[in-house]
């Protein structure tokens, strides 16, 4: 059975972080509110980089943090 978690793990293995973040940013169980917000910000910074740079967000740092959280939560089989 293909689940959202397994899809995210497969995308991480392929290093397709944008698609993995698109799915994982909607997860609520097992993720703190702070981590969830960082996943959402990372995805938004990937898709709307110019907008977030205009707001003064360090998009590179936000994306890196989001990917690190993504890998920490979903990067290995549980």
N, C-alpha and C. Protein backbone atom coordinates (compact mmCIF):
# COMPACT_ATOMS: atom_id res chain seq x y z
N UNK A 1 0.84 -1.18 0.00
CA UNK A 1 0.00 0.00 0.00
C UNK A 1 0.89 1.25 0.00
N UNK A 2 0.62 2.13 -0.91
CA UNK A 2 1.39 3.36 -1.00
C UNK A 2 0.73 4.41 -0.11
N UNK A 3 1.49 4.89 0.86
CA UNK A 3 0.99 5.93 1.77
C UNK A 3 1.72 7.24 1.49
N UNK A 4 1.20 8.29 2.07
CA UNK A 4 1.86 9.59 1.92
C UNK A 4 3.25 9.55 2.54
N UNK A 5 3.38 8.88 3.69
CA UNK A 5 4.69 8.77 4.33
C UNK A 5 5.69 8.05 3.42
N UNK A 6 5.27 6.96 2.81
CA UNK A 6 6.19 6.22 1.94
C UNK A 6 6.53 7.03 0.69
N UNK A 7 5.57 7.79 0.20
CA UNK A 7 5.83 8.65 -0.95
C UNK A 7 6.87 9.71 -0.59
N UNK A 8 6.72 10.31 0.59
CA UNK A 8 7.68 11.32 1.05
C UNK A 8 9.07 10.70 1.19
N UNK A 9 9.14 9.51 1.76
CA UNK A 9 10.44 8.83 1.91
C UNK A 9 11.08 8.55 0.55
N UNK A 10 10.27 8.12 -0.40
CA UNK A 10 10.79 7.86 -1.75
C UNK A 10 11.31 9.15 -2.39
N UNK A 11 10.58 10.24 -2.23
CA UNK A 11 11.01 11.52 -2.80
C UNK A 11 12.29 12.02 -2.14
N UNK A 12 12.43 11.79 -0.84
CA UNK A 12 13.66 12.18 -0.14
C UNK A 12 14.84 11.35 -0.69
N UNK A 13 14.61 10.07 -0.87
CA UNK A 13 15.67 9.20 -1.42
C UNK A 13 16.10 9.67 -2.80
N UNK A 14 15.16 10.23 -3.56
CA UNK A 14 15.45 10.75 -4.90
C UNK A 14 15.99 12.19 -4.84
N UNK A 15 16.06 12.73 -3.62
CA UNK A 15 16.47 14.12 -3.38
C UNK A 15 15.56 15.12 -4.07
N UNK A 16 14.29 14.77 -4.19
CA UNK A 16 13.27 15.66 -4.75
C UNK A 16 12.57 16.33 -3.56
N UNK A 17 13.27 17.28 -2.95
CA UNK A 17 12.81 17.86 -1.70
C UNK A 17 11.58 18.75 -1.87
N UNK A 18 11.46 19.42 -2.99
CA UNK A 18 10.30 20.30 -3.18
C UNK A 18 9.00 19.49 -3.19
N UNK A 19 8.97 18.39 -3.91
CA UNK A 19 7.76 17.56 -3.93
C UNK A 19 7.52 16.93 -2.57
N UNK A 20 8.59 16.51 -1.90
CA UNK A 20 8.45 15.92 -0.56
C UNK A 20 7.90 16.95 0.42
N UNK A 21 8.39 18.17 0.35
CA UNK A 21 7.88 19.23 1.23
C UNK A 21 6.42 19.56 0.92
N UNK A 22 6.07 19.53 -0.36
CA UNK A 22 4.69 19.83 -0.74
C UNK A 22 3.72 18.88 -0.04
N UNK A 23 4.11 17.62 0.08
CA UNK A 23 3.25 16.63 0.74
C UNK A 23 3.36 16.75 2.26
N UNK A 24 4.60 16.79 2.76
CA UNK A 24 4.83 16.72 4.21
C UNK A 24 4.37 17.96 4.96
N UNK A 25 4.29 19.11 4.29
CA UNK A 25 3.89 20.33 4.99
C UNK A 25 2.45 20.25 5.52
N UNK A 26 1.68 19.32 5.01
CA UNK A 26 0.31 19.15 5.48
C UNK A 26 0.16 18.15 6.61
N UNK A 27 1.24 17.44 6.93
CA UNK A 27 1.17 16.45 8.01
C UNK A 27 1.05 17.16 9.35
N UNK A 28 0.28 16.56 10.25
CA UNK A 28 0.08 17.15 11.58
C UNK A 28 0.52 16.24 12.70
N UNK A 29 0.39 14.93 12.51
CA UNK A 29 0.71 13.99 13.58
C UNK A 29 2.21 13.75 13.67
N UNK A 30 2.74 13.80 14.89
CA UNK A 30 4.14 13.50 15.12
C UNK A 30 5.11 14.61 14.78
N UNK A 31 4.58 15.79 14.46
CA UNK A 31 5.43 16.93 14.11
C UNK A 31 5.02 18.11 14.99
N UNK A 32 6.01 18.76 15.59
CA UNK A 32 5.70 19.92 16.43
C UNK A 32 5.21 21.08 15.55
N UNK A 33 4.54 22.00 16.15
CA UNK A 33 4.01 23.17 15.43
C UNK A 33 5.16 23.96 14.80
N UNK A 34 6.26 24.10 15.54
CA UNK A 34 7.42 24.83 15.03
C UNK A 34 8.01 24.14 13.80
N UNK A 35 8.17 22.81 13.88
CA UNK A 35 8.69 22.06 12.73
C UNK A 35 7.75 22.14 11.54
N UNK A 36 6.45 22.07 11.82
CA UNK A 36 5.46 22.16 10.75
C UNK A 36 5.55 23.52 10.05
N UNK A 37 5.69 24.57 10.83
CA UNK A 37 5.82 25.91 10.24
C UNK A 37 7.08 26.04 9.40
N UNK A 38 8.18 25.41 9.85
CA UNK A 38 9.42 25.47 9.08
C UNK A 38 9.31 24.68 7.77
N UNK A 39 8.59 23.56 7.79
CA UNK A 39 8.36 22.81 6.56
C UNK A 39 7.56 23.66 5.57
N UNK A 40 6.52 24.31 6.06
CA UNK A 40 5.69 25.16 5.19
C UNK A 40 6.50 26.32 4.62
N UNK A 41 7.30 26.97 5.49
CA UNK A 41 8.11 28.10 5.03
C UNK A 41 9.13 27.65 3.99
N UNK A 42 9.75 26.50 4.21
CA UNK A 42 10.74 25.99 3.24
C UNK A 42 10.09 25.78 1.88
N UNK A 43 8.92 25.17 1.87
CA UNK A 43 8.22 24.94 0.60
C UNK A 43 7.86 26.26 -0.07
N UNK A 44 7.34 27.18 0.71
CA UNK A 44 6.95 28.48 0.17
C UNK A 44 8.17 29.24 -0.37
N UNK A 45 9.30 29.14 0.33
CA UNK A 45 10.52 29.81 -0.14
C UNK A 45 11.03 29.18 -1.43
N UNK A 46 10.80 27.88 -1.61
CA UNK A 46 11.21 27.23 -2.86
C UNK A 46 10.33 27.67 -4.02
N UNK A 47 9.04 27.85 -3.76
CA UNK A 47 8.12 28.15 -4.85
C UNK A 47 7.95 29.65 -5.12
N UNK A 48 8.18 30.46 -4.10
CA UNK A 48 8.00 31.91 -4.24
C UNK A 48 9.21 32.64 -3.67
N UNK A 49 10.38 32.30 -4.17
CA UNK A 49 11.64 32.81 -3.62
C UNK A 49 11.69 34.34 -3.61
N UNK A 50 11.38 34.96 -4.71
CA UNK A 50 11.45 36.42 -4.81
C UNK A 50 10.58 37.13 -3.80
N UNK A 51 9.38 36.63 -3.61
CA UNK A 51 8.44 37.24 -2.66
C UNK A 51 9.01 37.20 -1.25
N UNK A 52 9.51 36.04 -0.83
CA UNK A 52 10.02 35.92 0.53
C UNK A 52 11.32 36.69 0.72
N UNK A 53 12.12 36.84 -0.33
CA UNK A 53 13.31 37.68 -0.24
C UNK A 53 12.92 39.14 -0.06
N UNK A 54 11.85 39.58 -0.73
CA UNK A 54 11.37 40.95 -0.55
C UNK A 54 10.89 41.19 0.88
N UNK A 55 10.39 40.16 1.52
CA UNK A 55 9.95 40.28 2.91
C UNK A 55 11.12 40.25 3.89
N UNK A 56 12.31 39.97 3.38
CA UNK A 56 13.49 39.95 4.23
C UNK A 56 13.83 38.58 4.79
N UNK A 57 13.18 37.55 4.28
CA UNK A 57 13.45 36.18 4.73
C UNK A 57 14.71 35.66 4.06
N UNK A 58 15.58 35.04 4.86
CA UNK A 58 16.76 34.38 4.31
C UNK A 58 16.28 33.04 3.75
N UNK A 59 15.98 33.02 2.47
CA UNK A 59 15.35 31.84 1.86
C UNK A 59 16.27 30.63 1.87
N UNK A 60 17.56 30.83 1.70
CA UNK A 60 18.49 29.71 1.71
C UNK A 60 18.47 29.01 3.07
N UNK A 61 18.50 29.78 4.14
CA UNK A 61 18.46 29.21 5.49
C UNK A 61 17.13 28.53 5.75
N UNK A 62 16.04 29.16 5.34
CA UNK A 62 14.71 28.58 5.57
C UNK A 62 14.56 27.25 4.82
N UNK A 63 15.04 27.19 3.61
CA UNK A 63 14.97 25.96 2.82
C UNK A 63 15.84 24.88 3.44
N UNK A 64 17.05 25.24 3.84
CA UNK A 64 17.96 24.27 4.46
C UNK A 64 17.37 23.70 5.74
N UNK A 65 16.80 24.56 6.59
CA UNK A 65 16.18 24.09 7.83
C UNK A 65 15.01 23.16 7.55
N UNK A 66 14.20 23.52 6.58
CA UNK A 66 13.06 22.69 6.22
C UNK A 66 13.48 21.31 5.72
N UNK A 67 14.50 21.28 4.90
CA UNK A 67 15.00 20.00 4.38
C UNK A 67 15.58 19.16 5.51
N UNK A 68 16.29 19.79 6.43
CA UNK A 68 16.85 19.05 7.57
C UNK A 68 15.75 18.43 8.43
N UNK A 69 14.68 19.18 8.67
CA UNK A 69 13.55 18.66 9.44
C UNK A 69 12.87 17.53 8.67
N UNK A 70 12.70 17.72 7.39
CA UNK A 70 12.10 16.70 6.53
C UNK A 70 12.88 15.39 6.62
N UNK A 71 14.17 15.47 6.49
CA UNK A 71 15.01 14.27 6.55
C UNK A 71 14.98 13.66 7.95
N UNK A 72 15.00 14.49 8.98
CA UNK A 72 14.99 13.99 10.35
C UNK A 72 13.71 13.22 10.65
N UNK A 73 12.58 13.69 10.14
CA UNK A 73 11.29 13.04 10.42
C UNK A 73 10.97 11.89 9.47
N UNK A 74 11.37 12.01 8.22
CA UNK A 74 10.92 11.04 7.22
C UNK A 74 12.05 10.37 6.44
N UNK A 75 13.28 10.73 6.70
CA UNK A 75 14.39 10.26 5.89
C UNK A 75 14.76 8.81 6.07
N UNK A 76 14.28 8.19 7.12
CA UNK A 76 14.59 6.78 7.33
C UNK A 76 13.31 6.02 7.63
N UNK A 77 13.31 4.76 7.33
CA UNK A 77 12.13 3.93 7.61
C UNK A 77 11.92 3.81 9.11
N UNK A 78 10.67 3.88 9.49
CA UNK A 78 10.34 3.77 10.91
C UNK A 78 9.88 2.38 11.23
